[in-house]
Protein backbone atom coordinates (compact mmCIF):
# COMPACT_ATOMS: atom_id res chain seq x y z
CA MET A 1 -62.69 -77.02 -23.84
CA PRO A 2 -64.02 -73.44 -24.25
CA ARG A 3 -64.53 -72.70 -27.93
CA LEU A 4 -64.54 -69.37 -29.77
CA ALA A 5 -65.27 -68.58 -33.41
CA VAL A 6 -65.83 -65.95 -36.06
CA LEU A 7 -69.04 -66.22 -38.08
CA GLY A 8 -69.40 -64.65 -41.51
CA HIS A 9 -70.34 -65.33 -45.12
CA PRO A 10 -67.83 -65.70 -46.65
CA VAL A 11 -65.32 -66.15 -43.85
CA GLY A 12 -62.49 -68.23 -45.32
CA HIS A 13 -60.28 -65.16 -45.78
CA SER A 14 -60.47 -64.16 -42.11
CA ARG A 15 -57.21 -63.71 -40.18
CA SER A 16 -59.05 -63.92 -36.86
CA PRO A 17 -58.42 -67.64 -36.20
CA ALA A 18 -54.65 -67.31 -36.64
CA MET A 19 -54.58 -64.11 -34.61
CA GLN A 20 -56.76 -65.30 -31.75
CA ASN A 21 -55.20 -68.76 -31.47
CA ALA A 22 -51.76 -67.13 -31.27
CA ALA A 23 -53.06 -64.89 -28.49
CA LEU A 24 -54.56 -67.83 -26.60
CA ALA A 25 -51.25 -69.68 -26.82
CA GLU A 26 -49.36 -66.63 -25.54
CA LEU A 27 -51.75 -66.39 -22.59
CA GLY A 28 -51.18 -70.06 -21.74
CA LEU A 29 -54.72 -70.99 -22.79
CA GLY A 30 -53.87 -72.66 -26.08
CA GLU A 31 -54.32 -76.21 -24.83
CA GLU A 32 -57.73 -75.44 -23.35
CA TRP A 33 -59.28 -72.82 -25.62
CA SER A 34 -59.72 -72.80 -29.40
CA TYR A 35 -60.87 -70.33 -32.05
CA GLU A 36 -62.24 -71.28 -35.47
CA ALA A 37 -64.03 -69.84 -38.51
CA ILE A 38 -67.63 -70.79 -39.27
CA ASP A 39 -69.28 -69.93 -42.58
CA ALA A 40 -72.98 -69.25 -41.98
CA ALA A 41 -75.30 -68.08 -44.73
CA PRO A 42 -77.81 -65.39 -43.69
CA ASP A 43 -80.76 -67.80 -43.66
CA ALA A 44 -78.87 -70.18 -41.37
CA PHE A 45 -77.19 -67.66 -39.09
CA GLU A 46 -79.66 -67.48 -36.22
CA ALA A 47 -80.08 -71.25 -35.94
CA ARG A 48 -76.30 -71.71 -36.04
CA VAL A 49 -75.73 -69.19 -33.26
CA ARG A 50 -78.41 -70.68 -31.04
CA ARG A 51 -76.68 -74.07 -31.16
CA MET A 52 -73.28 -72.75 -30.18
CA ALA A 53 -73.61 -72.71 -26.38
CA ASP A 54 -74.59 -76.40 -26.41
CA GLU A 55 -71.47 -77.12 -28.49
CA GLY A 56 -69.10 -75.61 -25.94
CA PHE A 57 -68.76 -72.11 -27.39
CA VAL A 58 -68.35 -69.30 -24.88
CA GLY A 59 -68.12 -66.48 -27.41
CA ALA A 60 -67.96 -65.48 -31.05
CA ASN A 61 -67.02 -62.65 -33.33
CA VAL A 62 -69.45 -61.72 -36.07
CA THR A 63 -68.52 -60.20 -39.41
CA ILE A 64 -70.17 -59.36 -42.74
CA PRO A 65 -73.11 -59.71 -43.27
CA HIS A 66 -74.37 -60.66 -39.80
CA LYS A 67 -73.72 -57.73 -37.44
CA GLY A 68 -77.29 -56.48 -37.43
CA ALA A 69 -78.71 -59.98 -37.10
CA ALA A 70 -76.36 -60.72 -34.20
CA LEU A 71 -77.76 -57.81 -32.23
CA ALA A 72 -81.34 -58.76 -33.06
CA LEU A 73 -81.08 -62.31 -31.71
CA ALA A 74 -79.28 -61.42 -28.48
CA ASP A 75 -81.05 -61.61 -25.15
CA GLU A 76 -79.17 -58.54 -23.90
CA SER A 77 -76.70 -56.07 -25.34
CA SER A 78 -74.14 -53.52 -24.26
CA GLU A 79 -75.07 -49.85 -24.50
CA ILE A 80 -72.80 -49.29 -27.48
CA ALA A 81 -74.11 -52.30 -29.43
CA GLY A 82 -77.69 -51.19 -28.85
CA LYS A 83 -77.10 -47.60 -29.90
CA VAL A 84 -74.89 -48.49 -32.86
CA GLY A 85 -77.43 -51.07 -33.99
CA ALA A 86 -74.83 -53.75 -34.69
CA ALA A 87 -72.79 -56.34 -32.80
CA ASN A 88 -69.48 -57.94 -33.67
CA THR A 89 -68.98 -59.83 -30.40
CA LEU A 90 -71.24 -62.37 -28.73
CA VAL A 91 -70.93 -63.93 -25.28
CA PHE A 92 -72.73 -67.18 -24.36
CA GLU A 93 -73.29 -67.37 -20.63
CA ARG A 94 -75.87 -68.99 -18.34
CA GLY A 95 -78.20 -69.82 -21.20
CA SER A 96 -78.30 -66.31 -22.62
CA ILE A 97 -76.63 -64.48 -25.51
CA ARG A 98 -75.09 -61.07 -24.88
CA ALA A 99 -74.16 -58.78 -27.76
CA ASP A 100 -71.32 -56.28 -27.66
CA ASN A 101 -69.46 -54.12 -30.15
CA THR A 102 -65.68 -53.71 -30.18
CA ASP A 103 -65.49 -52.29 -33.71
CA ALA A 104 -65.80 -48.70 -32.52
CA GLY A 105 -63.13 -49.08 -29.85
CA GLY A 106 -60.88 -51.01 -32.20
CA LEU A 107 -61.01 -48.26 -34.82
CA LEU A 108 -60.16 -45.57 -32.29
CA ARG A 109 -57.23 -47.59 -30.96
CA ALA A 110 -55.93 -48.05 -34.51
CA LEU A 111 -55.86 -44.32 -35.30
CA PRO A 112 -52.51 -42.51 -34.95
CA GLY A 113 -54.04 -39.80 -32.77
CA SER A 114 -57.24 -38.41 -31.34
CA PRO A 115 -59.97 -37.51 -33.84
CA ARG A 116 -61.28 -34.76 -31.57
CA GLY A 117 -62.02 -31.57 -33.49
CA ARG A 118 -61.52 -33.17 -36.89
CA ARG A 119 -64.00 -33.73 -39.72
CA ALA A 120 -64.38 -37.43 -40.52
CA LEU A 121 -65.95 -38.98 -43.61
CA VAL A 122 -67.30 -42.52 -43.23
CA LEU A 123 -67.95 -44.40 -46.47
CA GLY A 124 -70.65 -47.06 -46.10
CA ALA A 125 -73.77 -47.64 -44.03
CA GLY A 126 -73.45 -51.22 -42.74
CA GLY A 127 -72.49 -52.53 -39.33
CA ALA A 128 -68.84 -51.48 -39.56
CA ALA A 129 -69.86 -48.01 -40.73
CA ARG A 130 -72.28 -47.59 -37.86
CA ALA A 131 -69.58 -48.48 -35.35
CA ALA A 132 -67.12 -46.08 -37.00
CA ILE A 133 -69.67 -43.26 -36.96
CA TRP A 134 -70.43 -43.84 -33.28
CA GLY A 135 -66.82 -44.19 -32.21
CA LEU A 136 -65.59 -41.13 -34.07
CA ALA A 137 -68.45 -38.98 -32.79
CA GLN A 138 -67.94 -40.18 -29.23
CA ALA A 139 -64.27 -39.24 -29.53
CA GLY A 140 -65.12 -35.70 -30.60
CA ALA A 141 -65.04 -35.74 -34.40
CA ALA A 142 -67.68 -34.18 -36.64
CA VAL A 143 -68.90 -37.14 -38.68
CA TYR A 144 -70.17 -37.14 -42.26
CA VAL A 145 -71.62 -40.24 -43.96
CA TRP A 146 -71.68 -41.29 -47.61
CA ASN A 147 -73.26 -44.35 -49.19
CA ARG A 148 -73.78 -45.18 -52.84
CA THR A 149 -77.49 -45.31 -51.97
CA PRO A 150 -78.12 -41.83 -50.51
CA ALA A 151 -81.26 -42.94 -48.69
CA ARG A 152 -79.20 -45.44 -46.69
CA ALA A 153 -76.72 -42.75 -45.72
CA ASP A 154 -79.60 -40.51 -44.62
CA ALA A 155 -81.22 -43.28 -42.57
CA THR A 156 -77.99 -44.42 -40.90
CA TYR A 157 -77.01 -40.88 -40.03
CA ALA A 158 -80.45 -40.12 -38.57
CA GLU A 159 -80.59 -43.33 -36.53
CA ILE A 160 -77.23 -42.74 -34.87
CA ALA A 161 -77.75 -39.00 -34.49
CA ALA A 162 -80.77 -39.84 -32.36
CA HIS A 163 -78.36 -41.16 -29.72
CA ILE A 164 -75.27 -38.98 -30.08
CA GLU A 165 -74.37 -35.59 -31.56
CA LEU A 166 -72.63 -36.23 -34.89
CA GLY A 167 -71.98 -32.63 -35.91
CA GLY A 168 -71.92 -33.49 -39.61
CA ALA A 169 -74.37 -34.64 -42.26
CA ALA A 170 -75.20 -37.32 -44.78
CA GLU A 171 -73.32 -36.39 -47.94
CA GLU A 172 -74.10 -37.23 -51.57
CA SER A 173 -71.00 -35.62 -53.11
CA PRO A 174 -68.29 -35.21 -50.46
CA ARG A 175 -65.00 -33.44 -51.22
CA GLN A 176 -62.31 -35.70 -49.78
CA GLU A 177 -59.91 -32.82 -49.20
CA ASP A 178 -62.37 -31.35 -46.68
CA TYR A 179 -61.88 -34.20 -44.20
CA GLY A 180 -59.06 -34.90 -41.79
CA ILE A 181 -60.11 -38.56 -41.52
CA VAL A 182 -61.55 -40.81 -44.23
CA VAL A 183 -62.75 -44.30 -43.30
CA ASN A 184 -63.77 -46.83 -45.96
CA THR A 185 -66.03 -49.43 -44.39
CA THR A 186 -67.39 -50.75 -47.69
CA SER A 187 -66.19 -53.99 -49.29
CA VAL A 188 -64.94 -52.13 -52.37
CA GLY A 189 -61.48 -53.46 -53.16
CA LEU A 190 -61.98 -56.83 -51.48
CA HIS A 191 -62.17 -58.55 -54.86
CA GLY A 192 -59.72 -56.29 -56.68
CA GLU A 193 -62.18 -53.58 -57.73
CA ASP A 194 -60.83 -50.12 -58.53
CA PRO A 195 -61.85 -48.11 -55.44
CA PHE A 196 -61.89 -44.88 -57.41
CA ALA A 197 -64.54 -46.25 -59.75
CA HIS A 198 -66.90 -46.95 -56.86
CA LEU A 199 -66.10 -44.47 -54.07
CA PRO A 200 -66.32 -40.64 -54.10
CA LEU A 201 -62.54 -40.34 -53.93
CA SER A 202 -59.77 -39.33 -56.32
CA PRO A 203 -56.17 -40.60 -56.14
CA ALA A 204 -55.02 -37.03 -56.88
CA LYS A 205 -56.79 -35.37 -53.95
CA PHE A 206 -55.28 -37.00 -50.88
CA ALA A 207 -53.32 -34.77 -48.54
CA ASP A 208 -52.18 -34.69 -44.93
CA GLN A 209 -55.07 -36.86 -43.71
CA VAL A 210 -55.68 -40.16 -41.95
CA VAL A 211 -57.13 -42.73 -44.35
CA VAL A 212 -58.47 -46.03 -43.02
CA ASP A 213 -59.45 -48.92 -45.27
CA MET A 214 -61.27 -51.80 -43.59
CA VAL A 215 -60.48 -54.01 -46.59
CA TYR A 216 -57.32 -56.03 -46.04
CA GLY A 217 -55.29 -58.57 -47.96
CA LYS A 218 -51.73 -59.76 -48.49
CA GLU A 219 -50.71 -56.35 -49.80
CA PRO A 220 -51.88 -52.81 -48.99
CA SER A 221 -55.07 -51.94 -50.84
CA ALA A 222 -55.09 -49.74 -53.92
CA LEU A 223 -56.87 -47.09 -51.87
CA LEU A 224 -54.17 -47.01 -49.21
CA ASN A 225 -51.36 -47.05 -51.77
CA ALA A 226 -52.82 -43.97 -53.46
CA ALA A 227 -53.45 -42.26 -50.13
CA GLU A 228 -49.87 -42.85 -49.02
CA ARG A 229 -48.53 -41.43 -52.27
CA GLY A 230 -50.65 -38.35 -51.63
CA GLY A 231 -49.09 -37.79 -48.21
CA ALA A 232 -51.79 -39.34 -46.03
CA HIS A 233 -51.21 -41.44 -42.93
CA THR A 234 -52.75 -44.83 -43.68
CA VAL A 235 -54.32 -47.48 -41.43
CA ASP A 236 -55.23 -50.85 -42.89
CA GLY A 237 -58.02 -53.21 -41.96
CA LEU A 238 -55.61 -55.62 -40.32
CA GLU A 239 -54.66 -53.09 -37.65
CA VAL A 240 -58.33 -52.41 -36.95
CA LEU A 241 -58.92 -56.18 -36.83
CA VAL A 242 -56.13 -56.61 -34.30
CA GLN A 243 -57.43 -53.86 -32.04
CA GLN A 244 -61.07 -54.93 -32.07
CA GLY A 245 -60.05 -58.57 -31.71
CA ALA A 246 -57.99 -57.71 -28.65
CA LEU A 247 -60.99 -56.05 -27.03
CA SER A 248 -63.16 -59.10 -27.80
CA LEU A 249 -60.56 -61.45 -26.35
CA GLU A 250 -60.45 -59.44 -23.14
CA ILE A 251 -64.25 -59.69 -22.84
CA TRP A 252 -64.17 -63.49 -23.20
CA THR A 253 -61.10 -64.34 -21.12
CA GLY A 254 -60.69 -61.44 -18.70
CA CYS A 255 -56.99 -61.36 -19.67
CA GLU A 256 -55.05 -58.47 -21.16
CA ALA A 257 -54.62 -59.21 -24.86
CA PRO A 258 -51.05 -59.65 -26.20
CA ILE A 259 -51.30 -57.03 -28.95
CA GLU A 260 -47.87 -57.56 -30.51
CA VAL A 261 -48.42 -61.33 -30.77
CA MET A 262 -51.83 -60.76 -32.34
CA ARG A 263 -50.47 -58.22 -34.81
CA ALA A 264 -47.63 -60.53 -35.87
CA ALA A 265 -49.99 -63.48 -36.38
CA ALA A 266 -52.52 -61.40 -38.33
CA ARG A 267 -49.80 -60.19 -40.68
CA ALA A 268 -47.91 -63.46 -41.05
């Protein structure tokens, strides 16, 4: 039986198993394939991944905090994973590990329209941020990066700008009203924190923008609620999860992903 999984730490909150198993069932693969969640601490991650092929795994998703480590241990990687510097999708095949990244494509597919010609602010500097920066720039946006540690924002911006024109800058004090797209890739809000106490945003300064929050839960995040009240178009982390998960599923199975089934299962 081909096995799939998502690896993270923590990972118990992940909607990926429900979403991907529903998709496998819809594709008629549910009795043969399976998808599960595996909690792997950082010091155990590499050893856990290297055992997976022998245990029947053909692929895996990777989430916080392992996206950089996943790329580092791979025998080969896609162009986007290599240039982004992070992987969220692994393929085990013929004794090798291949790293890919569907986060960038998933974000772009979740947006309500093209980002071309717009200014985009990415909050964060981890693996998800790097994918967002790359994807938005590739799609024609001018990308600006903020992190609570300015040196990390500077380093992330410079590393990705070495591969693709970003057209923006690393920002220490961004003005949210200056951006047509705002993407929060940090974990702020995951445990109920007030996003406006930790991010350079104000609930009073949202306008006709697109605001994406990678944090997801049973209810819309406080960030998205405030953005919607301010007139912004909001995209939650579940929609991004669905879109990147669909791209991963297509890599593993070669089948077109049943998006509506995946979206319903993720939100159930």
